C-alpha atoms as a PDB file:
ATOM      1  CA  UNK A   1     -15.198  37.375-113.581  1.00  0.00           C
ATOM      2  CA  UNK A   2     -12.449  35.378-115.008  1.00  0.00           C
ATOM      3  CA  UNK A   3     -11.084  35.603-110.742  1.00  0.00           C
ATOM      4  CA  UNK A   4     -14.638  34.964-109.605  1.00  0.00           C
ATOM      5  CA  UNK A   5     -15.004  32.111-111.741  1.00  0.00           C
ATOM      6  CA  UNK A   6     -11.268  30.799-110.502  1.00  0.00           C
ATOM      7  CA  UNK A   7     -11.798  30.822-107.096  1.00  0.00           C
ATOM      8  CA  UNK A   8     -15.010  29.631-106.980  1.00  0.00           C
ATOM      9  CA  UNK A   9     -13.709  26.477-109.007  1.00  0.00           C
ATOM     10  CA  UNK A  10     -10.411  26.639-106.268  1.00  0.00           C
ATOM     11  CA  UNK A  11     -13.393  26.535-103.193  1.00  0.00           C
ATOM     12  CA  UNK A  12     -14.998  23.116-105.193  1.00  0.00           C
ATOM     13  CA  UNK A  13     -11.558  21.282-106.010  1.00  0.00           C
ATOM     14  CA  UNK A  14     -10.314  21.752-102.361  1.00  0.00           C
ATOM     15  CA  UNK A  15     -13.517  20.814-100.853  1.00  0.00           C
ATOM     16  CA  UNK A  16     -13.462  17.766-103.370  1.00  0.00           C
ATOM     17  CA  UNK A  17     -10.197  17.044-102.385  1.00  0.00           C
ATOM     18  CA  UNK A  18     -11.321  17.125 -98.566  1.00  0.00           C
ATOM     19  CA  UNK A  19     -14.108  14.936 -99.175  1.00  0.00           C
ATOM     20  CA  UNK A  20     -11.988  12.061-100.465  1.00  0.00           C
ATOM     21  CA  UNK A  21      -9.596  11.755 -97.824  1.00  0.00           C
ATOM     22  CA  UNK A  22     -11.976  11.749 -94.815  1.00  0.00           C
ATOM     23  CA  UNK A  23     -11.703   8.190 -92.810  1.00  0.00           C
ATOM     24  CA  UNK A  24     -15.067   5.848 -92.225  1.00  0.00           C
ATOM     25  CA  UNK A  25     -17.534   8.189 -94.388  1.00  0.00           C
ATOM     26  CA  UNK A  26     -20.850   6.124 -94.638  1.00  0.00           C
ATOM     27  CA  UNK A  27     -21.477   5.861 -98.522  1.00  0.00           C
ATOM     28  CA  UNK A  28     -23.820   3.080-100.906  1.00  0.00           C
ATOM     29  CA  UNK A  29     -22.495   0.332-102.631  1.00  0.00           C
ATOM     30  CA  UNK A  30     -18.953   1.001-101.353  1.00  0.00           C
ATOM     31  CA  UNK A  31     -16.802  -1.455 -99.326  1.00  0.00           C
ATOM     32  CA  UNK A  32     -15.253  -1.384 -96.109  1.00  0.00           C
ATOM     33  CA  UNK A  33     -12.144  -3.769 -94.545  1.00  0.00           C
ATOM     34  CA  UNK A  34     -13.345  -5.587 -91.399  1.00  0.00           C
ATOM     35  CA  UNK A  35     -10.976  -7.511 -89.479  1.00  0.00           C
ATOM     36  CA  UNK A  36      -8.570  -7.429 -91.774  1.00  0.00           C
ATOM     37  CA  UNK A  37     -10.961  -8.634 -94.823  1.00  0.00           C
ATOM     38  CA  UNK A  38     -12.316  -6.596 -97.561  1.00  0.00           C
ATOM     39  CA  UNK A  39     -16.136  -7.047 -97.604  1.00  0.00           C
ATOM     40  CA  UNK A  40     -18.214  -5.539-100.219  1.00  0.00           C
ATOM     41  CA  UNK A  41     -21.609  -3.250 -98.975  1.00  0.00           C
ATOM     42  CA  UNK A  42     -24.177  -2.490-100.563  1.00  0.00           C
ATOM     43  CA  UNK A  43     -25.846  -0.123 -97.898  1.00  0.00           C
ATOM     44  CA  UNK A  44     -27.996   3.137 -98.848  1.00  0.00           C
ATOM     45  CA  UNK A  45     -27.211   4.876 -95.604  1.00  0.00           C
ATOM     46  CA  UNK A  46     -27.380   8.568 -96.064  1.00  0.00           C
ATOM     47  CA  UNK A  47     -23.673   9.781 -95.459  1.00  0.00           C
ATOM     48  CA  UNK A  48     -23.184  12.881 -92.650  1.00  0.00           C
ATOM     49  CA  UNK A  49     -20.925  14.793 -95.548  1.00  0.00           C
ATOM     50  CA  UNK A  50     -22.751  17.126 -97.508  1.00  0.00           C
ATOM     51  CA  UNK A  51     -21.714  15.349-100.816  1.00  0.00           C
ATOM     52  CA  UNK A  52     -20.089  12.178-102.086  1.00  0.00           C
ATOM     53  CA  UNK A  53     -16.870  12.139-103.968  1.00  0.00           C
ATOM     54  CA  UNK A  54     -19.243  10.241-106.715  1.00  0.00           C
ATOM     55  CA  UNK A  55     -21.933  13.543-106.996  1.00  0.00           C
ATOM     56  CA  UNK A  56     -18.695  15.804-106.533  1.00  0.00           C
ATOM     57  CA  UNK A  57     -16.996  14.584-109.496  1.00  0.00           C
ATOM     58  CA  UNK A  58     -20.291  14.398-111.467  1.00  0.00           C
ATOM     59  CA  UNK A  59     -20.478  18.251-111.398  1.00  0.00           C
ATOM     60  CA  UNK A  60     -17.875  18.925-113.617  1.00  0.00           C
ATOM     61  CA  UNK A  61     -18.945  18.355-117.280  1.00  0.00           C
ATOM     62  CA  UNK A  62     -17.737  14.785-119.093  1.00  0.00           C
ATOM     63  CA  UNK A  63     -14.991  14.871-121.722  1.00  0.00           C
ATOM     64  CA  UNK A  64     -13.644  13.121-124.724  1.00  0.00           C
ATOM     65  CA  UNK A  65     -11.133  10.544-123.496  1.00  0.00           C
ATOM     66  CA  UNK A  66      -8.379   8.977-125.348  1.00  0.00           C
ATOM     67  CA  UNK A  67      -7.914   5.685-125.043  1.00  0.00           C
ATOM     68  CA  UNK A  68      -4.455   6.273-123.171  1.00  0.00           C
ATOM     69  CA  UNK A  69      -6.663   7.749-120.312  1.00  0.00           C
ATOM     70  CA  UNK A  70      -9.219   5.212-120.483  1.00  0.00           C
ATOM     71  CA  UNK A  71      -6.436   2.597-119.982  1.00  0.00           C
ATOM     72  CA  UNK A  72      -4.568   4.719-117.527  1.00  0.00           C
ATOM     73  CA  UNK A  73      -7.925   5.083-115.628  1.00  0.00           C
ATOM     74  CA  UNK A  74      -8.207   1.016-115.327  1.00  0.00           C
ATOM     75  CA  UNK A  75      -4.616   0.398-114.591  1.00  0.00           C
ATOM     76  CA  UNK A  76      -4.669   3.123-111.362  1.00  0.00           C
ATOM     77  CA  UNK A  77      -8.221   1.035-110.646  1.00  0.00           C
ATOM     78  CA  UNK A  78      -6.495  -1.864-110.327  1.00  0.00           C
ATOM     79  CA  UNK A  79      -2.809  -0.577-109.345  1.00  0.00           C
ATOM     80  CA  UNK A  80      -4.959   1.113-105.724  1.00  0.00           C
ATOM     81  CA  UNK A  81      -6.527  -2.179-105.325  1.00  0.00           C
ATOM     82  CA  UNK A  82      -3.220  -4.673-105.599  1.00  0.00           C
ATOM     83  CA  UNK A  83      -2.198  -1.668-102.965  1.00  0.00           C
ATOM     84  CA  UNK A  84      -5.570  -2.548-101.201  1.00  0.00           C
ATOM     85  CA  UNK A  85      -5.090  -5.931-101.285  1.00  0.00           C
ATOM     86  CA  UNK A  86      -1.448  -6.545 -99.880  1.00  0.00           C
ATOM     87  CA  UNK A  87      -2.228  -4.730 -97.150  1.00  0.00           C
ATOM     88  CA  UNK A  88      -5.064  -6.701 -96.076  1.00  0.00           C
ATOM     89  CA  UNK A  89      -2.827  -9.826 -96.733  1.00  0.00           C
ATOM     90  CA  UNK A  90      -0.004  -7.920 -94.408  1.00  0.00           C
ATOM     91  CA  UNK A  91      -2.138  -6.931 -91.976  1.00  0.00           C
ATOM     92  CA  UNK A  92      -4.017 -10.916 -91.538  1.00  0.00           C
ATOM     93  CA  UNK A  93      -0.300 -12.142 -91.352  1.00  0.00           C
ATOM     94  CA  UNK A  94       1.539  -9.905 -88.971  1.00  0.00           C
ATOM     95  CA  UNK A  95      -1.681  -8.036 -87.093  1.00  0.00           C
ATOM     96  CA  UNK A  96       0.140  -4.649 -87.487  1.00  0.00           C
ATOM     97  CA  UNK A  97      -2.460  -1.754 -87.671  1.00  0.00           C
ATOM     98  CA  UNK A  98      -0.594   0.706 -89.864  1.00  0.00           C
ATOM     99  CA  UNK A  99      -1.685  -2.196 -92.890  1.00  0.00           C
ATOM    100  CA  UNK A 100      -5.392  -2.239 -91.516  1.00  0.00           C
ATOM    101  CA  UNK A 101      -5.367   1.472 -91.593  1.00  0.00           C
ATOM    102  CA  UNK A 102      -3.979   1.917 -94.931  1.00  0.00           C
ATOM    103  CA  UNK A 103      -5.948  -0.956 -96.640  1.00  0.00           C
ATOM    104  CA  UNK A 104      -9.111   1.322 -95.554  1.00  0.00           C
ATOM    105  CA  UNK A 105      -7.483   4.390 -96.942  1.00  0.00           C
ATOM    106  CA  UNK A 106      -6.600   2.694-100.188  1.00  0.00           C
ATOM    107  CA  UNK A 107     -10.327   1.369-100.382  1.00  0.00           C
ATOM    108  CA  UNK A 108     -11.367   4.881-101.096  1.00  0.00           C
ATOM    109  CA  UNK A 109      -9.079   5.268-103.405  1.00  0.00           C
ATOM    110  CA  UNK A 110     -10.572   2.275-105.385  1.00  0.00           C
ATOM    111  CA  UNK A 111     -13.779   3.997-104.260  1.00  0.00           C
ATOM    112  CA  UNK A 112     -13.139   7.330-106.120  1.00  0.00           C
ATOM    113  CA  UNK A 113     -11.528   5.646-109.168  1.00  0.00           C
ATOM    114  CA  UNK A 114     -14.734   3.359-109.763  1.00  0.00           C
ATOM    115  CA  UNK A 115     -16.934   6.564-109.469  1.00  0.00           C
ATOM    116  CA  UNK A 116     -14.669   7.939-112.616  1.00  0.00           C
ATOM    117  CA  UNK A 117     -15.315   4.573-114.159  1.00  0.00           C
ATOM    118  CA  UNK A 118     -19.112   4.976-113.550  1.00  0.00           C
ATOM    119  CA  UNK A 119     -19.757   8.130-114.893  1.00  0.00           C
ATOM    120  CA  UNK A 120     -18.007   7.426-118.135  1.00  0.00           C
ATOM    121  CA  UNK A 121     -19.199   4.473-118.631  1.00  0.00           C
ATOM    122  CA  UNK A 122     -16.497   2.087-118.973  1.00  0.00           C
ATOM    123  CA  UNK A 123     -16.342  -1.648-117.958  1.00  0.00           C
ATOM    124  CA  UNK A 124     -14.841  -2.456-114.437  1.00  0.00           C
ATOM    125  CA  UNK A 125     -11.908  -5.230-114.668  1.00  0.00           C
ATOM    126  CA  UNK A 126     -13.296  -8.275-114.137  1.00  0.00           C
ATOM    127  CA  UNK A 127     -11.347  -9.201-111.119  1.00  0.00           C
ATOM    128  CA  UNK A 128     -12.118  -5.662-108.698  1.00  0.00           C
ATOM    129  CA  UNK A 129     -14.367  -7.868-106.037  1.00  0.00           C
ATOM    130  CA  UNK A 130     -11.569 -10.752-105.865  1.00  0.00           C
ATOM    131  CA  UNK A 131      -9.146  -9.842-102.987  1.00  0.00           C
ATOM    132  CA  UNK A 132      -5.703 -11.093-104.709  1.00  0.00           C
ATOM    133  CA  UNK A 133      -6.401 -11.450-108.619  1.00  0.00           C
ATOM    134  CA  UNK A 134      -5.834  -9.279-111.296  1.00  0.00           C
ATOM    135  CA  UNK A 135      -7.047  -8.556-114.513  1.00  0.00           C
ATOM    136  CA  UNK A 136      -3.701  -7.212-115.633  1.00  0.00           C
ATOM    137  CA  UNK A 137      -1.004  -9.467-115.971  1.00  0.00           C
ATOM    138  CA  UNK A 138       1.844  -7.237-115.093  1.00  0.00           C
ATOM    139  CA  UNK A 139       0.168  -6.512-111.321  1.00  0.00           C
ATOM    140  CA  UNK A 140      -0.738 -10.208-111.066  1.00  0.00           C
ATOM    141  CA  UNK A 141       2.951 -11.038-110.777  1.00  0.00           C
ATOM    142  CA  UNK A 142       3.808  -7.926-108.954  1.00  0.00           C
ATOM    143  CA  UNK A 143       1.376  -8.785-106.066  1.00  0.00           C
ATOM    144  CA  UNK A 144       2.690 -12.154-105.771  1.00  0.00           C
ATOM    145  CA  UNK A 145       6.159 -11.341-105.650  1.00  0.00           C
ATOM    146  CA  UNK A 146       4.986  -8.508-102.951  1.00  0.00           C
ATOM    147  CA  UNK A 147       3.612 -11.313-101.151  1.00  0.00           C
ATOM    148  CA  UNK A 148       5.924 -13.585-100.994  1.00  0.00           C
ATOM    149  CA  UNK A 149       8.207 -10.802 -99.627  1.00  0.00           C
ATOM    150  CA  UNK A 150       6.147  -9.584 -97.664  1.00  0.00           C
ATOM    151  CA  UNK A 151       6.141 -13.145 -95.510  1.00  0.00           C
ATOM    152  CA  UNK A 152       9.633 -13.597 -95.004  1.00  0.00           C
ATOM    153  CA  UNK A 153       9.585 -10.803 -92.000  1.00  0.00           C
ATOM    154  CA  UNK A 154       7.417  -8.149 -90.644  1.00  0.00           C
ATOM    155  CA  UNK A 155      10.311  -5.553 -91.820  1.00  0.00           C
ATOM    156  CA  UNK A 156      10.490  -6.843 -95.283  1.00  0.00           C
ATOM    157  CA  UNK A 157       6.166  -6.183 -94.801  1.00  0.00           C
ATOM    158  CA  UNK A 158       7.252  -2.785 -94.562  1.00  0.00           C
ATOM    159  CA  UNK A 159       9.489  -2.351 -97.151  1.00  0.00           C
ATOM    160  CA  UNK A 160       6.845  -4.035 -99.622  1.00  0.00           C
ATOM    161  CA  UNK A 161       4.755  -0.795 -98.033  1.00  0.00           C
ATOM    162  CA  UNK A 162       6.896   1.629 -98.722  1.00  0.00           C
ATOM    163  CA  UNK A 163       7.868  -0.197-102.117  1.00  0.00           C
ATOM    164  CA  UNK A 164       3.649   0.240-103.238  1.00  0.00           C
ATOM    165  CA  UNK A 165       3.526   3.733-102.599  1.00  0.00           C
ATOM    166  CA  UNK A 166       6.441   4.476-104.472  1.00  0.00           C
ATOM    167  CA  UNK A 167       5.346   2.564-107.319  1.00  0.00           C
ATOM    168  CA  UNK A 168       2.220   4.507-107.269  1.00  0.00           C
ATOM    169  CA  UNK A 169       3.701   8.249-106.376  1.00  0.00           C
ATOM    170  CA  UNK A 170       5.737   7.545-109.998  1.00  0.00           C
ATOM    171  CA  UNK A 171       2.920   6.155-111.667  1.00  0.00           C
ATOM    172  CA  UNK A 172       0.898   9.613-110.857  1.00  0.00           C
ATOM    173  CA  UNK A 173       2.825  11.772-111.539  1.00  0.00           C
ATOM    174  CA  UNK A 174       3.014  10.573-114.520  1.00  0.00           C
ATOM    175  CA  UNK A 175       0.291  10.356-115.881  1.00  0.00           C
ATOM    176  CA  UNK A 176      -0.581  13.945-114.320  1.00  0.00           C
ATOM    177  CA  UNK A 177       2.634  15.229-116.183  1.00  0.00           C
ATOM    178  CA  UNK A 178       0.679  13.845-119.750  1.00  0.00           C
ATOM    179  CA  UNK A 179      -2.278  16.182-118.322  1.00  0.00           C
ATOM    180  CA  UNK A 180      -5.984  14.340-118.078  1.00  0.00           C
ATOM    181  CA  UNK A 181      -9.332  16.127-117.509  1.00  0.00           C
ATOM    182  CA  UNK A 182     -10.266  18.023-114.794  1.00  0.00           C
ATOM    183  CA  UNK A 183     -12.208  15.346-112.667  1.00  0.00           C
ATOM    184  CA  UNK A 184      -9.122  13.047-113.623  1.00  0.00           C
ATOM    185  CA  UNK A 185      -6.394  15.741-112.127  1.00  0.00           C
ATOM    186  CA  UNK A 186      -8.702  16.151-109.001  1.00  0.00           C
ATOM    187  CA  UNK A 187      -8.883  12.141-108.159  1.00  0.00           C
ATOM    188  CA  UNK A 188      -5.629  11.196-109.353  1.00  0.00           C
ATOM    189  CA  UNK A 189      -3.981  14.329-107.393  1.00  0.00           C
ATOM    190  CA  UNK A 190      -6.017  13.000-104.167  1.00  0.00           C
ATOM    191  CA  UNK A 191      -4.673   9.373-104.424  1.00  0.00           C
ATOM    192  CA  UNK A 192      -0.896  11.351-104.879  1.00  0.00           C
ATOM    193  CA  UNK A 193      -1.240  12.736-101.560  1.00  0.00           C
ATOM    194  CA  UNK A 194      -2.722  10.203 -99.850  1.00  0.00           C
ATOM    195  CA  UNK A 195       0.509   8.340-100.983  1.00  0.00           C
ATOM    196  CA  UNK A 196       2.785  10.865-100.194  1.00  0.00           C
ATOM    197  CA  UNK A 197       0.797  10.264 -96.338  1.00  0.00           C
ATOM    198  CA  UNK A 198       1.280   7.046 -96.649  1.00  0.00           C
ATOM    199  CA  UNK A 199       4.760   6.777 -97.753  1.00  0.00           C
ATOM    200  CA  UNK A 200       5.727   8.452 -94.504  1.00  0.00           C
ATOM    201  CA  UNK A 201       3.344   6.754 -92.031  1.00  0.00           C
ATOM    202  CA  UNK A 202       5.295   3.579 -93.630  1.00  0.00           C
ATOM    203  CA  UNK A 203       8.935   4.941 -93.398  1.00  0.00           C
ATOM    204  CA  UNK A 204       8.211   5.995 -89.618  1.00  0.00           C
ATOM    205  CA  UNK A 205       7.251   2.483 -88.872  1.00  0.00           C
ATOM    206  CA  UNK A 206      10.800   1.473 -90.236  1.00  0.00           C
ATOM    207  CA  UNK A 207      12.437   4.154 -88.064  1.00  0.00           C
ATOM    208  CA  UNK A 208      13.512   6.126 -91.352  1.00  0.00           C
END
């Protein structure tokens, strides 16, 4: 019975991770990137996938979160927003499609984290829907620094992408190493997998 239970859990986790990495999935109350700018939407169009990320996460019982886990969730939400906002800015500036494509992926990351915030009844950062603004002062400083570098050249802009993804990978690895609830682990691991792919994409653009 234990092996069967573990197998069912593995299948569920695989389904969740696969669902969260599909591009252009129609989901209600989520944003998209259009013409290089983030657009919040309130569409109630029914998705063509069996279940949405938020539905899948909701199948896992709520855990008692520590204050640190709550703070990490809010921080990672803003960090993924930072990635999205920087890439939107750089796409508008340089027109390289790699920034637009990865910005769309970062929006999915933001949506996955927002699903966790909603599930646990936590407050979203007040600046969540304002491009280029952050509640966390350190992330605001980082955003400003990255934008300044990204303005220098396309090569510098691509190196900004490398910096962002390497930062995401480091932060996610550290959080996962501490141990988190099952639903958090599923989302964070999906984000980590995505960050590795984004890092590879930027390095390819740089000929590395």
